[in-house]
């Protein structure tokens, strides 16, 4: 590929760098220690950062579903724990 071709490719990539193809997704496991006592402010902050989708655990869905709706977060995947 010529230098001009590489420059064109780089400029196209740079223009698209600010656009995401899919919504950002947060894994709520990363905030598992604060969710039991601070679900509302935690999910609000996650939404404010720019996340639109979350992965949660099966047991939390009924409790946090209304909060997710309030902040426009969508639970798109779920972990199941076997006992």
PDB file of N, CA and C in Angstrom:
ATOM      1  N   UNK A   1       0.849  -1.170   0.000  1.00  0.00           N
ATOM      2  CA  UNK A   1       0.000   0.000   0.000  1.00  0.00           C
ATOM      3  C   UNK A   1       0.897   1.236   0.000  1.00  0.00           C
ATOM      4  N   UNK A   2       0.511   2.212  -0.759  1.00  0.00           N
ATOM      5  CA  UNK A   2       1.307   3.439  -0.851  1.00  0.00           C
ATOM      6  C   UNK A   2       1.120   4.291   0.405  1.00  0.00           C
ATOM      7  N   UNK A   3       1.995   5.258   0.561  1.00  0.00           N
ATOM      8  CA  UNK A   3       1.897   6.186   1.691  1.00  0.00           C
ATOM      9  C   UNK A   3       0.582   6.956   1.633  1.00  0.00           C
ATOM     10  N   UNK A   4       0.146   7.316   0.435  1.00  0.00           N
ATOM     11  CA  UNK A   4      -1.123   8.044   0.297  1.00  0.00           C
ATOM     12  C   UNK A   4      -2.286   7.153   0.719  1.00  0.00           C
ATOM     13  N   UNK A   5      -2.209   5.877   0.362  1.00  0.00           N
ATOM     14  CA  UNK A   5      -3.253   4.926   0.745  1.00  0.00           C
ATOM     15  C   UNK A   5      -3.308   4.735   2.251  1.00  0.00           C
ATOM     16  N   UNK A   6      -2.135   4.643   2.885  1.00  0.00           N
ATOM     17  CA  UNK A   6      -2.088   4.525   4.340  1.00  0.00           C
ATOM     18  C   UNK A   6      -2.640   5.783   5.008  1.00  0.00           C
ATOM     19  N   UNK A   7      -2.332   6.932   4.444  1.00  0.00           N
ATOM     20  CA  UNK A   7      -2.850   8.184   4.996  1.00  0.00           C
ATOM     21  C   UNK A   7      -4.359   8.256   4.910  1.00  0.00           C
ATOM     22  N   UNK A   8      -4.925   7.805   3.799  1.00  0.00           N
ATOM     23  CA  UNK A   8      -6.381   7.792   3.627  1.00  0.00           C
ATOM     24  C   UNK A   8      -7.026   6.839   4.627  1.00  0.00           C
ATOM     25  N   UNK A   9      -6.435   5.654   4.788  1.00  0.00           N
ATOM     26  CA  UNK A   9      -6.959   4.681   5.741  1.00  0.00           C
ATOM     27  C   UNK A   9      -6.901   5.242   7.154  1.00  0.00           C
ATOM     28  N   UNK A  10      -5.800   5.849   7.517  1.00  0.00           N
ATOM     29  CA  UNK A  10      -5.643   6.423   8.856  1.00  0.00           C
ATOM     30  C   UNK A  10      -6.660   7.529   9.099  1.00  0.00           C
ATOM     31  N   UNK A  11      -6.929   8.362   8.102  1.00  0.00           N
ATOM     32  CA  UNK A  11      -7.889   9.452   8.299  1.00  0.00           C
ATOM     33  C   UNK A  11      -9.304   8.904   8.469  1.00  0.00           C
ATOM     34  N   UNK A  12      -9.640   7.834   7.761  1.00  0.00           N
ATOM     35  CA  UNK A  12     -10.958   7.215   7.923  1.00  0.00           C
ATOM     36  C   UNK A  12     -11.094   6.594   9.306  1.00  0.00           C
ATOM     37  N   UNK A  13     -10.038   5.943   9.778  1.00  0.00           N
ATOM     38  CA  UNK A  13     -10.070   5.350  11.109  1.00  0.00           C
ATOM     39  C   UNK A  13     -10.184   6.431  12.182  1.00  0.00           C
ATOM     40  N   UNK A  14      -9.476   7.512  12.016  1.00  0.00           N
ATOM     41  CA  UNK A  14      -9.516   8.607  12.991  1.00  0.00           C
ATOM     42  C   UNK A  14     -10.911   9.227  13.061  1.00  0.00           C
ATOM     43  N   UNK A  15     -11.563   9.388  11.935  1.00  0.00           N
ATOM     44  CA  UNK A  15     -12.920   9.966  11.934  1.00  0.00           C
ATOM     45  C   UNK A  15     -13.905   9.057  12.646  1.00  0.00           C
ATOM     46  N   UNK A  16     -13.723   7.748  12.553  1.00  0.00           N
ATOM     47  CA  UNK A  16     -14.639   6.803  13.174  1.00  0.00           C
ATOM     48  C   UNK A  16     -14.283   6.456  14.609  1.00  0.00           C
ATOM     49  N   UNK A  17     -13.164   6.944  15.100  1.00  0.00           N
ATOM     50  CA  UNK A  17     -12.713   6.580  16.440  1.00  0.00           C
ATOM     51  C   UNK A  17     -13.663   7.049  17.528  1.00  0.00           C
ATOM     52  N   UNK A  18     -14.378   8.125  17.332  1.00  0.00           N
ATOM     53  CA  UNK A  18     -15.282   8.634  18.345  1.00  0.00           C
ATOM     54  C   UNK A  18     -16.653   7.998  18.324  1.00  0.00           C
ATOM     55  N   UNK A  19     -16.921   7.161  17.355  1.00  0.00           N
ATOM     56  CA  UNK A  19     -18.237   6.518  17.248  1.00  0.00           C
ATOM     57  C   UNK A  19     -18.110   5.053  17.632  1.00  0.00           C
ATOM     58  N   UNK A  20     -19.002   4.625  18.483  1.00  0.00           N
ATOM     59  CA  UNK A  20     -19.009   3.218  18.884  1.00  0.00           C
ATOM     60  C   UNK A  20     -20.042   2.465  18.069  1.00  0.00           C
ATOM     61  N   UNK A  21     -19.735   1.256  17.748  1.00  0.00           N
ATOM     62  CA  UNK A  21     -20.658   0.433  16.974  1.00  0.00           C
ATOM     63  C   UNK A  21     -21.740  -0.182  17.862  1.00  0.00           C
ATOM     64  N   UNK A  22     -21.436  -0.368  19.156  1.00  0.00           N
ATOM     65  CA  UNK A  22     -22.367  -0.987  20.086  1.00  0.00           C
ATOM     66  C   UNK A  22     -22.421  -0.138  21.358  1.00  0.00           C
ATOM     67  N   UNK A  23     -23.523  -0.210  22.090  1.00  0.00           N
ATOM     68  CA  UNK A  23     -23.586   0.539  23.356  1.00  0.00           C
ATOM     69  C   UNK A  23     -22.529   0.032  24.332  1.00  0.00           C
ATOM     70  N   UNK A  24     -22.068   0.921  25.192  1.00  0.00           N
ATOM     71  CA  UNK A  24     -21.135   0.511  26.235  1.00  0.00           C
ATOM     72  C   UNK A  24     -21.864  -0.364  27.240  1.00  0.00           C
ATOM     73  N   UNK A  25     -21.176  -1.388  27.738  1.00  0.00           N
ATOM     74  CA  UNK A  25     -21.776  -2.323  28.692  1.00  0.00           C
ATOM     75  C   UNK A  25     -20.884  -2.419  29.928  1.00  0.00           C
ATOM     76  N   UNK A  26     -21.499  -2.311  31.112  1.00  0.00           N
ATOM     77  CA  UNK A  26     -20.769  -2.452  32.367  1.00  0.00           C
ATOM     78  C   UNK A  26     -21.110  -3.794  33.002  1.00  0.00           C
ATOM     79  N   UNK A  27     -20.105  -4.449  33.534  1.00  0.00           N
ATOM     80  CA  UNK A  27     -20.329  -5.689  34.249  1.00  0.00           C
ATOM     81  C   UNK A  27     -20.477  -5.328  35.728  1.00  0.00           C
ATOM     82  N   UNK A  28     -21.664  -5.532  36.277  1.00  0.00           N
ATOM     83  CA  UNK A  28     -21.936  -5.108  37.647  1.00  0.00           C
ATOM     84  C   UNK A  28     -21.153  -5.914  38.679  1.00  0.00           C
ATOM     85  N   UNK A  29     -20.544  -6.996  38.274  1.00  0.00           N
ATOM     86  CA  UNK A  29     -19.671  -7.753  39.171  1.00  0.00           C
ATOM     87  C   UNK A  29     -18.540  -6.859  39.683  1.00  0.00           C
ATOM     88  N   UNK A  30     -18.130  -5.904  38.872  1.00  0.00           N
ATOM     89  CA  UNK A  30     -17.024  -5.025  39.277  1.00  0.00           C
ATOM     90  C   UNK A  30     -17.409  -4.093  40.418  1.00  0.00           C
ATOM     91  N   UNK A  31     -18.689  -3.910  40.650  1.00  0.00           N
ATOM     92  CA  UNK A  31     -19.148  -3.053  41.756  1.00  0.00           C
ATOM     93  C   UNK A  31     -19.982  -3.865  42.755  1.00  0.00           C
ATOM     94  N   UNK A  32     -19.750  -5.160  42.795  1.00  0.00           N
ATOM     95  CA  UNK A  32     -20.563  -6.069  43.607  1.00  0.00           C
ATOM     96  C   UNK A  32     -20.524  -5.752  45.100  1.00  0.00           C
ATOM     97  N   UNK A  33     -19.445  -5.185  45.584  1.00  0.00           N
ATOM     98  CA  UNK A  33     -19.342  -4.906  47.011  1.00  0.00           C
ATOM     99  C   UNK A  33     -20.159  -3.694  47.450  1.00  0.00           C
ATOM    100  N   UNK A  34     -20.454  -2.780  46.528  1.00  0.00           N
ATOM    101  CA  UNK A  34     -21.237  -1.602  46.909  1.00  0.00           C
ATOM    102  C   UNK A  34     -22.693  -1.678  46.467  1.00  0.00           C
ATOM    103  N   UNK A  35     -23.015  -2.590  45.565  1.00  0.00           N
ATOM    104  CA  UNK A  35     -24.393  -2.699  45.081  1.00  0.00           C
ATOM    105  C   UNK A  35     -25.415  -3.025  46.173  1.00  0.00           C
ATOM    106  N   UNK A  36     -25.111  -3.899  47.131  1.00  0.00           N
ATOM    107  CA  UNK A  36     -26.136  -4.220  48.139  1.00  0.00           C
ATOM    108  C   UNK A  36     -26.581  -3.012  48.965  1.00  0.00           C
ATOM    109  N   UNK A  37     -25.702  -2.060  49.197  1.00  0.00           N
ATOM    110  CA  UNK A  37     -26.064  -0.916  50.036  1.00  0.00           C
ATOM    111  C   UNK A  37     -26.217   0.384  49.269  1.00  0.00           C
ATOM    112  N   UNK A  38     -25.748   0.433  48.017  1.00  0.00           N
ATOM    113  CA  UNK A  38     -25.796   1.687  47.261  1.00  0.00           C
ATOM    114  C   UNK A  38     -26.124   1.452  45.791  1.00  0.00           C
ATOM    115  N   UNK A  39     -27.142   0.650  45.527  1.00  0.00           N
ATOM    116  CA  UNK A  39     -27.492   0.329  44.141  1.00  0.00           C
ATOM    117  C   UNK A  39     -27.908   1.570  43.362  1.00  0.00           C
ATOM    118  N   UNK A  40     -28.768   2.381  43.937  1.00  0.00           N
ATOM    119  CA  UNK A  40     -29.292   3.569  43.224  1.00  0.00           C
ATOM    120  C   UNK A  40     -28.169   4.521  42.794  1.00  0.00           C
ATOM    121  N   UNK A  41     -27.337   5.009  43.715  1.00  0.00           N
ATOM    122  CA  UNK A  41     -26.278   5.941  43.266  1.00  0.00           C
ATOM    123  C   UNK A  41     -25.247   5.284  42.349  1.00  0.00           C
ATOM    124  N   UNK A  42     -24.990   4.009  42.551  1.00  0.00           N
ATOM    125  CA  UNK A  42     -24.021   3.313  41.702  1.00  0.00           C
ATOM    126  C   UNK A  42     -24.530   3.212  40.270  1.00  0.00           C
ATOM    127  N   UNK A  43     -25.786   2.791  40.104  1.00  0.00           N
ATOM    128  CA  UNK A  43     -26.351   2.664  38.758  1.00  0.00           C
ATOM    129  C   UNK A  43     -26.531   4.033  38.104  1.00  0.00           C
ATOM    130  N   UNK A  44     -26.852   5.037  38.899  1.00  0.00           N
ATOM    131  CA  UNK A  44     -26.957   6.398  38.360  1.00  0.00           C
ATOM    132  C   UNK A  44     -25.602   6.837  37.806  1.00  0.00           C
ATOM    133  N   UNK A  45     -24.545   6.595  38.552  1.00  0.00           N
ATOM    134  CA  UNK A  45     -23.198   6.968  38.099  1.00  0.00           C
ATOM    135  C   UNK A  45     -22.794   6.201  36.855  1.00  0.00           C
ATOM    136  N   UNK A  46     -23.121   4.922  36.803  1.00  0.00           N
ATOM    137  CA  UNK A  46     -22.802   4.103  35.627  1.00  0.00           C
ATOM    138  C   UNK A  46     -23.485   4.672  34.393  1.00  0.00           C
ATOM    139  N   UNK A  47     -24.746   5.066  34.541  1.00  0.00           N
ATOM    140  CA  UNK A  47     -25.478   5.659  33.404  1.00  0.00           C
ATOM    141  C   UNK A  47     -24.891   7.013  33.023  1.00  0.00           C
ATOM    142  N   UNK A  48     -24.511   7.809  34.007  1.00  0.00           N
ATOM    143  CA  UNK A  48     -23.946   9.135  33.724  1.00  0.00           C
ATOM    144  C   UNK A  48     -22.608   9.042  32.999  1.00  0.00           C
ATOM    145  N   UNK A  49     -21.854   7.998  33.273  1.00  0.00           N
ATOM    146  CA  UNK A  49     -20.572   7.792  32.592  1.00  0.00           C
ATOM    147  C   UNK A  49     -20.794   7.535  31.105  1.00  0.00           C
ATOM    148  N   UNK A  50     -21.939   6.932  30.778  1.00  0.00           N
ATOM    149  CA  UNK A  50     -22.230   6.667  29.378  1.00  0.00           C
ATOM    150  C   UNK A  50     -22.580   5.227  29.061  1.00  0.00           C
ATOM    151  N   UNK A  51     -22.585   4.381  30.079  1.00  0.00           N
ATOM    152  CA  UNK A  51     -22.980   2.994  29.845  1.00  0.00           C
ATOM    153  C   UNK A  51     -24.473   2.925  29.577  1.00  0.00           C
ATOM    154  N   UNK A  52     -24.885   2.010  28.711  1.00  0.00           N
ATOM    155  CA  UNK A  52     -26.300   1.842  28.383  1.00  0.00           C
ATOM    156  C   UNK A  52     -26.774   0.422  28.639  1.00  0.00           C
ATOM    157  N   UNK A  53     -25.850  -0.510  28.792  1.00  0.00           N
ATOM    158  CA  UNK A  53     -26.184  -1.905  29.030  1.00  0.00           C
ATOM    159  C   UNK A  53     -25.374  -2.411  30.215  1.00  0.00           C
ATOM    160  N   UNK A  54     -25.954  -3.395  30.931  1.00  0.00           N
ATOM    161  CA  UNK A  54     -25.246  -3.977  32.068  1.00  0.00           C
ATOM    162  C   UNK A  54     -25.366  -5.490  32.042  1.00  0.00           C
ATOM    163  N   UNK A  55     -24.381  -6.131  32.647  1.00  0.00           N
ATOM    164  CA  UNK A  55     -24.462  -7.549  32.950  1.00  0.00           C
ATOM    165  C   UNK A  55     -24.616  -7.635  34.452  1.00  0.00           C
ATOM    166  N   UNK A  56     -25.594  -8.366  34.891  1.00  0.00           N
ATOM    167  CA  UNK A  56     -25.869  -8.488  36.312  1.00  0.00           C
ATOM    168  C   UNK A  56     -25.895  -9.958  36.694  1.00  0.00           C
ATOM    169  N   UNK A  57     -26.259 -10.245  37.934  1.00  0.00           N
ATOM    170  CA  UNK A  57     -26.447 -11.631  38.327  1.00  0.00           C
ATOM    171  C   UNK A  57     -27.941 -11.907  38.471  1.00  0.00           C
ATOM    172  N   UNK A  58     -28.295 -13.144  38.330  1.00  0.00           N
ATOM    173  CA  UNK A  58     -29.696 -13.560  38.307  1.00  0.00           C
ATOM    174  C   UNK A  58     -30.447 -13.106  39.560  1.00  0.00           C
ATOM    175  N   UNK A  59     -29.837 -13.219  40.710  1.00  0.00           N
ATOM    176  CA  UNK A  59     -30.511 -12.896  41.969  1.00  0.00           C
ATOM    177  C   UNK A  59     -30.826 -11.408  42.116  1.00  0.00           C
ATOM    178  N   UNK A  60     -30.047 -10.543  41.496  1.00  0.00           N
ATOM    179  CA  UNK A  60     -30.236  -9.091  41.652  1.00  0.00           C
ATOM    180  C   UNK A  60     -31.274  -8.489  40.726  1.00  0.00           C
ATOM    181  N   UNK A  61     -31.600  -9.162  39.652  1.00  0.00           N
ATOM    182  CA  UNK A  61     -32.475  -8.574  38.633  1.00  0.00           C
ATOM    183  C   UNK A  61     -33.794  -8.061  39.202  1.00  0.00           C
ATOM    184  N   UNK A  62     -34.537  -8.844  39.987  1.00  0.00           N
ATOM    185  CA  UNK A  62     -35.818  -8.315  40.490  1.00  0.00           C
ATOM    186  C   UNK A  62     -35.658  -7.049  41.339  1.00  0.00           C
ATOM    187  N   UNK A  63     -34.593  -6.985  42.117  1.00  0.00           N
ATOM    188  CA  UNK A  63     -34.374  -5.840  43.003  1.00  0.00           C
ATOM    189  C   UNK A  63     -33.937  -4.591  42.249  1.00  0.00           C
ATOM    190  N   UNK A  64     -33.092  -4.752  41.236  1.00  0.00           N
ATOM    191  CA  UNK A  64     -32.535  -3.566  40.576  1.00  0.00           C
ATOM    192  C   UNK A  64     -33.229  -3.196  39.268  1.00  0.00           C
ATOM    193  N   UNK A  65     -34.132  -4.032  38.779  1.00  0.00           N
ATOM    194  CA  UNK A  65     -34.805  -3.752  37.504  1.00  0.00           C
ATOM    195  C   UNK A  65     -35.456  -2.371  37.460  1.00  0.00           C
ATOM    196  N   UNK A  66     -36.189  -1.948  38.509  1.00  0.00           N
ATOM    197  CA  UNK A  66     -36.777  -0.602  38.458  1.00  0.00           C
ATOM    198  C   UNK A  66     -35.717   0.507  38.388  1.00  0.00           C
ATOM    199  N   UNK A  67     -34.612   0.310  39.069  1.00  0.00           N
ATOM    200  CA  UNK A  67     -33.533   1.317  39.048  1.00  0.00           C
ATOM    201  C   UNK A  67     -32.911   1.372  37.658  1.00  0.00           C
ATOM    202  N   UNK A  68     -32.691   0.207  37.064  1.00  0.00           N
ATOM    203  CA  UNK A  68     -32.141   0.163  35.702  1.00  0.00           C
ATOM    204  C   UNK A  68     -33.040   0.948  34.753  1.00  0.00           C
ATOM    205  N   UNK A  69     -34.332   0.737  34.855  1.00  0.00           N
ATOM    206  CA  UNK A  69     -35.284   1.455  34.003  1.00  0.00           C
ATOM    207  C   UNK A  69     -35.210   2.957  34.217  1.00  0.00           C
ATOM    208  N   UNK A  70     -35.086   3.380  35.476  1.00  0.00           N
ATOM    209  CA  UNK A  70     -35.011   4.822  35.786  1.00  0.00           C
ATOM    210  C   UNK A  70     -33.854   5.506  35.073  1.00  0.00           C
ATOM    211  N   UNK A  71     -32.772   4.788  34.883  1.00  0.00           N
ATOM    212  CA  UNK A  71     -31.566   5.396  34.311  1.00  0.00           C
ATOM    213  C   UNK A  71     -31.281   4.942  32.884  1.00  0.00           C
ATOM    214  N   UNK A  72     -32.237   4.289  32.262  1.00  0.00           N
ATOM    215  CA  UNK A  72     -32.075   3.890  30.861  1.00  0.00           C
ATOM    216  C   UNK A  72     -31.049   2.798  30.647  1.00  0.00           C
ATOM    217  N   UNK A  73     -30.814   1.994  31.670  1.00  0.00           N
ATOM    218  CA  UNK A  73     -29.872   0.883  31.559  1.00  0.00           C
ATOM    219  C   UNK A  73     -30.630  -0.392  31.221  1.00  0.00           C
ATOM    220  N   UNK A  74     -30.033  -1.202  30.372  1.00  0.00           N
ATOM    221  CA  UNK A  74     -30.695  -2.414  29.904  1.00  0.00           C
ATOM    222  C   UNK A  74     -29.868  -3.625  30.335  1.00  0.00           C
ATOM    223  N   UNK A  75     -30.465  -4.565  31.084  1.00  0.00           N
ATOM    224  CA  UNK A  75     -29.723  -5.774  31.452  1.00  0.00           C
ATOM    225  C   UNK A  75     -29.697  -6.743  30.267  1.00  0.00           C
ATOM    226  N   UNK A  76     -28.567  -6.883  29.636  1.00  0.00           N
ATOM    227  CA  UNK A  76     -28.470  -7.680  28.413  1.00  0.00           C
ATOM    228  C   UNK A  76     -27.834  -9.047  28.620  1.00  0.00           C
ATOM    229  N   UNK A  77     -27.225  -9.251  29.774  1.00  0.00           N
ATOM    230  CA  UNK A  77     -26.683 -10.571  30.079  1.00  0.00           C
ATOM    231  C   UNK A  77     -26.725 -10.767  31.584  1.00  0.00           C
ATOM    232  N   UNK A  78     -26.648 -12.022  31.989  1.00  0.00           N
ATOM    233  CA  UNK A  78     -26.851 -12.350  33.394  1.00  0.00           C
ATOM    234  C   UNK A  78     -25.976 -13.534  33.772  1.00  0.00           C
ATOM    235  N   UNK A  79     -25.393 -13.472  34.951  1.00  0.00           N
ATOM    236  CA  UNK A  79     -24.603 -14.591  35.478  1.00  0.00           C
ATOM    237  C   UNK A  79     -25.507 -15.429  36.374  1.00  0.00           C
ATOM    238  N   UNK A  80     -25.327 -16.733  36.309  1.00  0.00           N
ATOM    239  CA  UNK A  80     -26.017 -17.655  37.202  1.00  0.00           C
ATOM    240  C   UNK A  80     -24.986 -18.336  38.070  1.00  0.00           C
ATOM    241  N   UNK A  81     -25.252 -18.397  39.348  1.00  0.00           N
ATOM    242  CA  UNK A  81     -24.348 -19.063  40.273  1.00  0.00           C
ATOM    243  C   UNK A  81     -24.966 -20.394  40.671  1.00  0.00           C
ATOM    244  N   UNK A  82     -24.249 -21.476  40.473  1.00  0.00           N
ATOM    245  CA  UNK A  82     -24.769 -22.774  40.892  1.00  0.00           C
ATOM    246  C   UNK A  82     -24.308 -23.027  42.323  1.00  0.00           C
ATOM    247  N   UNK A  83     -25.154 -23.695  43.040  1.00  0.00           N
ATOM    248  CA  UNK A  83     -24.814 -23.982  44.439  1.00  0.00           C
ATOM    249  C   UNK A  83     -24.876 -25.444  44.699  1.00  0.00           C
TER     250      UNK A  83
END
